[in-house]
Amino acid sequence: MVVRATYSLDEATVRRLRRTAERLGKPQSQIVREAIADYAARCDRLSEVERLRMLEVLGRLRSAQATGSAEAVEAELREIRESRRVGWDRESDRR
């Protein structure tokens, strides 16, 4: 399904759009669709600054000391697994 839309573009952008469409032998609308798809895909990735910040946070987490014992963690995991097997009751959840 194609939706018609109207956008205002500066002259330099329109020249680049027309030149690119002519060079590639594609309709201008296809060039715009592909450009938007490419831009959206790039926006989903982390920037270099974000990537480095995340790596630093992960490094700090990795070097941090555990606050609980392994036994406490295992007990909590067992409790979670058991509750998933049993399920939950909406009535008891409201109380």
Protein backbone atom coordinates (compact mmCIF):
# COMPACT_ATOMS: atom_id res chain seq x y z
CA MET A 1 0.00 0.00 0.00
CA VAL A 2 1.40 3.38 -0.97
CA VAL A 3 0.52 6.48 0.99
CA ARG A 4 0.95 9.85 -0.67
CA ALA A 5 2.72 12.45 1.46
CA THR A 6 4.00 15.96 0.90
CA TYR A 7 7.25 17.25 2.40
CA SER A 8 9.21 20.44 1.90
CA LEU A 9 12.87 20.00 1.00
CA ASP A 10 15.56 22.58 0.37
CA GLU A 11 16.86 23.01 -3.18
CA ALA A 12 20.20 21.31 -2.53
CA THR A 13 18.45 18.19 -1.17
CA VAL A 14 16.11 18.06 -4.16
CA ARG A 15 19.09 18.35 -6.54
CA ARG A 16 20.86 15.48 -4.75
CA LEU A 17 17.67 13.40 -4.81
CA ARG A 18 17.12 13.96 -8.52
CA ARG A 19 20.79 13.36 -9.37
CA THR A 20 20.88 10.14 -7.33
CA ALA A 21 17.62 8.85 -8.80
CA GLU A 22 18.82 9.56 -12.33
CA ARG A 23 22.23 7.98 -11.73
CA LEU A 24 20.70 4.82 -10.24
CA GLY A 25 17.78 4.70 -12.67
CA LYS A 26 15.26 4.56 -9.84
CA PRO A 27 12.21 6.67 -9.05
CA GLN A 28 12.80 9.49 -6.57
CA SER A 29 10.23 7.97 -4.22
CA GLN A 30 12.24 4.74 -4.08
CA ILE A 31 15.42 6.69 -3.29
CA VAL A 32 13.59 8.42 -0.42
CA ARG A 33 12.20 5.10 0.91
CA GLU A 34 15.64 3.48 0.79
CA ALA A 35 17.28 6.51 2.43
CA ILE A 36 14.76 6.47 5.27
CA ALA A 37 15.19 2.72 5.77
CA ASP A 38 18.98 3.14 5.88
CA TYR A 39 18.73 6.08 8.30
CA ALA A 40 16.35 4.19 10.59
CA ALA A 41 18.69 1.17 10.65
CA ARG A 42 21.65 3.37 11.57
CA CYS A 43 19.70 5.16 14.30
CA ASP A 44 19.03 1.83 16.02
CA ARG A 45 22.76 1.25 16.51
CA LEU A 46 24.71 2.74 19.38
CA SER A 47 27.00 5.66 18.64
CA GLU A 48 30.68 5.21 19.48
CA VAL A 49 30.24 7.36 22.62
CA GLU A 50 27.23 5.27 23.74
CA ARG A 51 29.06 2.03 23.01
CA LEU A 52 32.09 3.09 25.07
CA ARG A 53 29.85 4.23 27.94
CA MET A 54 28.04 0.88 27.95
CA LEU A 55 31.33 -1.01 27.95
CA GLU A 56 32.52 1.05 30.90
CA VAL A 57 29.32 0.30 32.84
CA LEU A 58 29.65 -3.41 32.05
CA GLY A 59 33.27 -3.33 33.20
CA ARG A 60 32.26 -1.74 36.51
CA LEU A 61 29.50 -4.32 37.01
CA ARG A 62 31.88 -7.15 36.26
CA SER A 63 34.43 -5.92 38.82
CA ALA A 64 31.81 -5.16 41.52
CA GLN A 65 31.64 -7.50 44.48
CA ALA A 66 28.55 -9.66 44.84
CA THR A 67 26.18 -8.47 47.57
CA GLY A 68 24.59 -11.84 48.32
CA SER A 69 25.69 -15.42 48.69
CA ALA A 70 25.44 -17.98 45.92
CA GLU A 71 23.03 -19.94 48.13
CA ALA A 72 20.69 -16.94 48.41
CA VAL A 73 20.72 -16.50 44.65
CA GLU A 74 19.95 -20.18 44.08
CA ALA A 75 17.10 -20.06 46.63
CA GLU A 76 15.58 -17.04 44.88
CA LEU A 77 15.87 -18.70 41.48
CA ARG A 78 14.19 -21.86 42.82
CA GLU A 79 11.35 -19.73 44.20
CA ILE A 80 10.90 -17.97 40.85
CA ARG A 81 10.91 -21.25 38.92
CA GLU A 82 8.36 -22.76 41.31
CA SER A 83 6.06 -19.75 41.03
CA ARG A 84 6.18 -20.03 37.23
CA ARG A 85 5.17 -23.70 37.36
CA VAL A 86 2.27 -22.97 39.71
CA GLY A 87 1.17 -19.76 38.01
CA TRP A 88 -0.68 -16.99 39.74
CA ASP A 89 -4.24 -16.36 40.72
CA ARG A 90 -5.78 -12.99 39.82
CA GLU A 91 -7.99 -13.07 42.90
CA SER A 92 -5.13 -13.57 45.33
CA ASP A 93 -3.09 -10.95 43.46
CA ARG A 94 -5.75 -8.28 44.18
CA ARG A 95 -5.67 -8.78 47.92
